[in-house]
Amino acid sequence: MYGIELRESGAGVVVELWGEFDFFSLRDLREALGDVLALRRPTLVDLSGVTFLDLQSARELAVRSLLYARHLSFANPSAGALASLKALGLEGWLRLDPDAYSDGPPVFSEVF
């Protein structure tokens, strides 16, 4: 089970991810990121709720991070997300924003 929630934030868009991202969620992940990044607005992807990233999902995040580095950043990688990124050698590819949620973690509400 996984979830992807898009919401407006003061200066841009926040994409909140939670659960396990694998082959079965990859299409939804690609579509959500594609839709948001097409807006060319500052975008923050919150990884605090991610429990697992497979190779394809981690690679998707890493490639998007490189392609859209001017307005895409990532925040709060969970232990599971960080472990997956490190195991795949991709942890240095994501631009992490350490100050993204100074008022606490987001609340998740949408499940795919």
N, C-alpha and C. Protein backbone atom coordinates (compact mmCIF):
# COMPACT_ATOMS: atom_id res chain seq x y z
N MET A 1 0.84 -1.17 0.00
CA MET A 1 0.00 0.00 0.00
C MET A 1 0.89 1.23 0.00
N TYR A 2 0.45 2.25 -0.72
CA TYR A 2 1.20 3.49 -0.82
C TYR A 2 0.24 4.65 -1.01
N GLY A 3 0.75 5.84 -0.81
CA GLY A 3 -0.06 7.02 -1.00
C GLY A 3 0.76 8.15 -1.59
N ILE A 4 0.08 8.95 -2.40
CA ILE A 4 0.67 10.14 -3.01
C ILE A 4 -0.34 11.26 -2.83
N GLU A 5 0.07 12.32 -2.18
CA GLU A 5 -0.84 13.45 -2.00
C GLU A 5 -0.15 14.71 -2.48
N LEU A 6 -0.85 15.49 -3.27
CA LEU A 6 -0.35 16.76 -3.78
C LEU A 6 -1.12 17.87 -3.09
N ARG A 7 -0.40 18.90 -2.64
CA ARG A 7 -1.09 20.03 -2.04
C ARG A 7 -0.30 21.29 -2.27
N GLU A 8 -1.03 22.38 -2.31
CA GLU A 8 -0.43 23.70 -2.46
C GLU A 8 0.24 24.10 -1.15
N SER A 9 1.36 24.75 -1.29
CA SER A 9 2.06 25.30 -0.13
C SER A 9 2.40 26.73 -0.50
N GLY A 10 2.66 27.57 0.47
CA GLY A 10 2.91 28.98 0.23
C GLY A 10 3.52 29.34 -1.11
N ALA A 11 4.69 28.84 -1.41
CA ALA A 11 5.38 29.24 -2.62
C ALA A 11 5.37 28.18 -3.72
N GLY A 12 4.80 27.03 -3.44
CA GLY A 12 4.86 25.98 -4.45
C GLY A 12 3.93 24.82 -4.15
N VAL A 13 4.42 23.63 -4.45
CA VAL A 13 3.64 22.40 -4.31
C VAL A 13 4.40 21.42 -3.44
N VAL A 14 3.68 20.72 -2.58
CA VAL A 14 4.27 19.66 -1.76
C VAL A 14 3.69 18.33 -2.25
N VAL A 15 4.58 17.37 -2.50
CA VAL A 15 4.19 16.02 -2.86
C VAL A 15 4.54 15.14 -1.67
N GLU A 16 3.53 14.59 -1.02
CA GLU A 16 3.76 13.74 0.15
C GLU A 16 3.63 12.28 -0.27
N LEU A 17 4.66 11.51 0.02
CA LEU A 17 4.68 10.09 -0.31
C LEU A 17 4.69 9.27 0.96
N TRP A 18 3.98 8.15 0.97
CA TRP A 18 4.06 7.23 2.10
C TRP A 18 3.81 5.81 1.62
N GLY A 19 4.38 4.87 2.36
CA GLY A 19 4.20 3.46 2.04
C GLY A 19 5.34 2.89 1.22
N GLU A 20 5.03 1.80 0.51
CA GLU A 20 6.03 1.08 -0.28
C GLU A 20 5.89 1.44 -1.75
N PHE A 21 7.00 1.86 -2.34
CA PHE A 21 7.02 2.21 -3.75
C PHE A 21 7.83 1.17 -4.51
N ASP A 22 7.12 0.48 -5.40
CA ASP A 22 7.72 -0.59 -6.19
C ASP A 22 7.13 -0.55 -7.59
N PHE A 23 7.28 -1.64 -8.33
CA PHE A 23 6.80 -1.72 -9.70
C PHE A 23 5.33 -1.33 -9.83
N PHE A 24 4.52 -1.72 -8.87
CA PHE A 24 3.08 -1.51 -8.95
C PHE A 24 2.67 -0.05 -8.71
N SER A 25 3.51 0.73 -8.07
CA SER A 25 3.20 2.14 -7.81
C SER A 25 3.95 3.08 -8.74
N LEU A 26 4.85 2.54 -9.54
CA LEU A 26 5.73 3.38 -10.37
C LEU A 26 4.95 4.27 -11.33
N ARG A 27 3.93 3.75 -11.98
CA ARG A 27 3.16 4.55 -12.93
C ARG A 27 2.51 5.76 -12.24
N ASP A 28 1.92 5.53 -11.07
CA ASP A 28 1.29 6.63 -10.32
C ASP A 28 2.33 7.65 -9.88
N LEU A 29 3.50 7.19 -9.45
CA LEU A 29 4.57 8.09 -9.03
C LEU A 29 5.02 8.94 -10.20
N ARG A 30 5.24 8.31 -11.36
CA ARG A 30 5.66 9.06 -12.55
C ARG A 30 4.62 10.10 -12.96
N GLU A 31 3.37 9.70 -12.96
CA GLU A 31 2.30 10.63 -13.37
C GLU A 31 2.19 11.81 -12.41
N ALA A 32 2.23 11.54 -11.11
CA ALA A 32 2.11 12.62 -10.12
C ALA A 32 3.28 13.59 -10.25
N LEU A 33 4.49 13.06 -10.34
CA LEU A 33 5.65 13.94 -10.48
C LEU A 33 5.61 14.70 -11.80
N GLY A 34 5.23 14.02 -12.87
CA GLY A 34 5.14 14.67 -14.17
C GLY A 34 4.15 15.82 -14.18
N ASP A 35 2.98 15.59 -13.58
CA ASP A 35 1.95 16.63 -13.52
C ASP A 35 2.44 17.85 -12.74
N VAL A 36 3.05 17.62 -11.61
CA VAL A 36 3.51 18.72 -10.76
C VAL A 36 4.69 19.44 -11.39
N LEU A 37 5.64 18.71 -11.91
CA LEU A 37 6.84 19.34 -12.46
C LEU A 37 6.55 20.09 -13.75
N ALA A 38 5.49 19.73 -14.44
CA ALA A 38 5.10 20.46 -15.65
C ALA A 38 4.69 21.89 -15.32
N LEU A 39 4.30 22.13 -14.09
CA LEU A 39 3.91 23.47 -13.66
C LEU A 39 5.10 24.41 -13.51
N ARG A 40 6.29 23.84 -13.40
CA ARG A 40 7.53 24.62 -13.23
C ARG A 40 7.48 25.53 -12.00
N ARG A 41 6.88 25.01 -10.93
CA ARG A 41 6.82 25.74 -9.67
C ARG A 41 7.74 25.05 -8.67
N PRO A 42 8.19 25.75 -7.63
CA PRO A 42 8.98 25.08 -6.60
C PRO A 42 8.19 23.90 -6.05
N THR A 43 8.86 22.75 -6.00
CA THR A 43 8.20 21.52 -5.58
C THR A 43 9.06 20.83 -4.53
N LEU A 44 8.40 20.41 -3.46
CA LEU A 44 9.06 19.68 -2.38
C LEU A 44 8.42 18.30 -2.29
N VAL A 45 9.25 17.26 -2.31
CA VAL A 45 8.76 15.89 -2.15
C VAL A 45 9.12 15.43 -0.74
N ASP A 46 8.10 15.17 0.05
CA ASP A 46 8.29 14.72 1.43
C ASP A 46 8.39 13.20 1.45
N LEU A 47 9.52 12.69 1.93
CA LEU A 47 9.79 11.25 1.95
C LEU A 47 9.65 10.64 3.35
N SER A 48 9.08 11.39 4.29
CA SER A 48 9.04 10.93 5.68
C SER A 48 8.19 9.68 5.89
N GLY A 49 7.21 9.45 5.04
CA GLY A 49 6.33 8.29 5.21
C GLY A 49 6.69 7.10 4.34
N VAL A 50 7.77 7.20 3.59
CA VAL A 50 8.16 6.11 2.69
C VAL A 50 8.84 5.00 3.49
N THR A 51 8.31 3.78 3.36
CA THR A 51 8.90 2.64 4.07
C THR A 51 9.83 1.82 3.18
N PHE A 52 9.65 1.94 1.86
CA PHE A 52 10.48 1.16 0.92
C PHE A 52 10.48 1.81 -0.44
N LEU A 53 11.64 1.84 -1.08
CA LEU A 53 11.79 2.26 -2.46
C LEU A 53 12.51 1.16 -3.22
N ASP A 54 11.92 0.65 -4.31
CA ASP A 54 12.65 -0.31 -5.12
C ASP A 54 13.58 0.47 -6.07
N LEU A 55 14.36 -0.26 -6.84
CA LEU A 55 15.33 0.36 -7.74
C LEU A 55 14.67 1.34 -8.70
N GLN A 56 13.58 0.95 -9.34
CA GLN A 56 12.95 1.81 -10.33
C GLN A 56 12.38 3.09 -9.71
N SER A 57 11.77 2.98 -8.55
CA SER A 57 11.21 4.16 -7.88
C SER A 57 12.31 5.10 -7.40
N ALA A 58 13.36 4.53 -6.82
CA ALA A 58 14.48 5.36 -6.35
C ALA A 58 15.16 6.04 -7.53
N ARG A 59 15.31 5.31 -8.63
CA ARG A 59 15.92 5.89 -9.83
C ARG A 59 15.04 7.00 -10.39
N GLU A 60 13.72 6.81 -10.36
CA GLU A 60 12.80 7.84 -10.84
C GLU A 60 12.98 9.14 -10.04
N LEU A 61 13.07 9.04 -8.73
CA LEU A 61 13.29 10.22 -7.90
C LEU A 61 14.64 10.86 -8.19
N ALA A 62 15.67 10.04 -8.34
CA ALA A 62 17.02 10.56 -8.59
C ALA A 62 17.11 11.27 -9.94
N VAL A 63 16.54 10.68 -10.97
CA VAL A 63 16.58 11.29 -12.30
C VAL A 63 15.79 12.59 -12.31
N ARG A 64 14.61 12.59 -11.70
CA ARG A 64 13.83 13.83 -11.63
C ARG A 64 14.59 14.90 -10.87
N SER A 65 15.30 14.49 -9.82
CA SER A 65 16.09 15.44 -9.03
C SER A 65 17.15 16.11 -9.90
N LEU A 66 17.77 15.35 -10.77
CA LEU A 66 18.79 15.92 -11.66
C LEU A 66 18.17 16.79 -12.75
N LEU A 67 17.07 16.33 -13.35
CA LEU A 67 16.45 17.05 -14.45
C LEU A 67 15.79 18.36 -14.00
N TYR A 68 15.25 18.37 -12.79
CA TYR A 68 14.50 19.52 -12.31
C TYR A 68 15.14 20.15 -11.08
N ALA A 69 16.45 20.14 -11.03
CA ALA A 69 17.18 20.60 -9.84
C ALA A 69 16.88 22.06 -9.49
N ARG A 70 16.47 22.85 -10.44
CA ARG A 70 16.20 24.27 -10.17
C ARG A 70 14.98 24.48 -9.28
N HIS A 71 14.01 23.58 -9.35
CA HIS A 71 12.81 23.81 -8.54
C HIS A 71 12.28 22.56 -7.84
N LEU A 72 13.07 21.51 -7.75
CA LEU A 72 12.64 20.28 -7.07
C LEU A 72 13.60 19.96 -5.93
N SER A 73 13.03 19.74 -4.74
CA SER A 73 13.85 19.30 -3.61
C SER A 73 13.09 18.23 -2.84
N PHE A 74 13.81 17.54 -1.99
CA PHE A 74 13.26 16.44 -1.21
C PHE A 74 13.50 16.73 0.26
N ALA A 75 12.62 16.19 1.12
CA ALA A 75 12.74 16.47 2.55
C ALA A 75 12.41 15.23 3.37
N ASN A 76 12.95 15.19 4.56
CA ASN A 76 12.61 14.22 5.59
C ASN A 76 12.63 12.76 5.14
N PRO A 77 13.73 12.30 4.54
CA PRO A 77 13.72 10.89 4.14
C PRO A 77 13.61 9.98 5.36
N SER A 78 12.68 9.06 5.32
CA SER A 78 12.53 8.10 6.41
C SER A 78 13.74 7.17 6.42
N ALA A 79 13.87 6.40 7.48
CA ALA A 79 14.97 5.44 7.57
C ALA A 79 14.89 4.44 6.42
N GLY A 80 13.67 4.00 6.07
CA GLY A 80 13.49 3.05 4.97
C GLY A 80 13.88 3.64 3.63
N ALA A 81 13.48 4.88 3.38
CA ALA A 81 13.82 5.54 2.12
C ALA A 81 15.32 5.76 2.01
N LEU A 82 15.91 6.23 3.10
CA LEU A 82 17.36 6.47 3.11
C LEU A 82 18.14 5.18 2.92
N ALA A 83 17.69 4.09 3.56
CA ALA A 83 18.36 2.80 3.41
C ALA A 83 18.30 2.32 1.96
N SER A 84 17.15 2.48 1.32
CA SER A 84 17.02 2.08 -0.08
C SER A 84 17.93 2.92 -0.97
N LEU A 85 17.93 4.24 -0.77
CA LEU A 85 18.77 5.11 -1.58
C LEU A 85 20.25 4.80 -1.39
N LYS A 86 20.65 4.55 -0.15
CA LYS A 86 22.06 4.22 0.12
C LYS A 86 22.43 2.88 -0.49
N ALA A 87 21.57 1.88 -0.35
CA ALA A 87 21.85 0.55 -0.90
C ALA A 87 22.02 0.60 -2.41
N LEU A 88 21.32 1.53 -3.05
CA LEU A 88 21.38 1.65 -4.50
C LEU A 88 22.43 2.67 -4.96
N GLY A 89 23.09 3.32 -4.00
CA GLY A 89 24.12 4.31 -4.33
C GLY A 89 23.56 5.62 -4.85
N LEU A 90 22.31 5.94 -4.50
CA LEU A 90 21.66 7.14 -5.03
C LEU A 90 21.44 8.24 -3.99
N GLU A 91 21.90 8.05 -2.76
CA GLU A 91 21.59 9.03 -1.72
C GLU A 91 22.13 10.42 -2.02
N GLY A 92 23.21 10.53 -2.74
CA GLY A 92 23.78 11.83 -3.07
C GLY A 92 23.11 12.51 -4.26
N TRP A 93 22.19 11.83 -4.91
CA TRP A 93 21.54 12.38 -6.10
C TRP A 93 20.34 13.24 -5.78
N LEU A 94 19.79 13.12 -4.58
CA LEU A 94 18.60 13.89 -4.21
C LEU A 94 19.01 15.15 -3.45
N ARG A 95 18.44 16.27 -3.84
CA ARG A 95 18.70 17.53 -3.13
C ARG A 95 17.76 17.60 -1.94
N LEU A 96 18.30 17.42 -0.73
CA LEU A 96 17.49 17.40 0.48
C LEU A 96 17.38 18.79 1.09
N ASP A 97 16.18 19.15 1.51
CA ASP A 97 15.91 20.43 2.16
C ASP A 97 15.68 20.17 3.64
N PRO A 98 16.67 20.45 4.50
CA PRO A 98 16.55 20.12 5.92
C PRO A 98 15.53 20.97 6.69
N ASP A 99 15.14 22.11 6.16
CA ASP A 99 14.23 23.01 6.87
C ASP A 99 12.81 22.99 6.33
N ALA A 100 12.45 21.96 5.60
CA ALA A 100 11.16 21.94 4.91
C ALA A 100 9.97 21.94 5.85
N TYR A 101 10.03 21.21 6.93
CA TYR A 101 8.88 21.11 7.83
C TYR A 101 9.29 21.49 9.25
N SER A 102 9.46 22.75 9.48
CA SER A 102 9.83 23.19 10.82
C SER A 102 8.65 23.12 11.78
N ASP A 103 7.42 23.00 11.25
CA ASP A 103 6.23 22.95 12.11
C ASP A 103 5.69 21.53 12.29
N GLY A 104 6.46 20.52 11.96
CA GLY A 104 6.04 19.13 12.14
C GLY A 104 5.72 18.44 10.84
N PRO A 105 5.56 17.12 10.89
CA PRO A 105 5.33 16.34 9.69
C PRO A 105 3.93 16.57 9.13
N PRO A 106 3.75 16.28 7.84
CA PRO A 106 2.43 16.42 7.23
C PRO A 106 1.49 15.30 7.64
N VAL A 107 0.21 15.48 7.37
CA VAL A 107 -0.78 14.45 7.63
C VAL A 107 -1.16 13.83 6.30
N PHE A 108 -1.17 12.50 6.22
CA PHE A 108 -1.48 11.81 4.99
C PHE A 108 -2.94 11.44 4.95
N SER A 109 -3.59 11.60 3.79
CA SER A 109 -5.01 11.30 3.72
C SER A 109 -5.44 10.57 2.47
N GLU A 110 -4.64 10.50 1.43
CA GLU A 110 -5.07 9.90 0.18
C GLU A 110 -4.30 8.60 -0.06
N VAL A 111 -5.01 7.53 -0.33
CA VAL A 111 -4.39 6.22 -0.56
C VAL A 111 -4.71 5.76 -1.96
N PHE A 112 -3.71 5.27 -2.67
CA PHE A 112 -3.92 4.70 -3.98
C PHE A 112 -3.91 3.19 -3.89
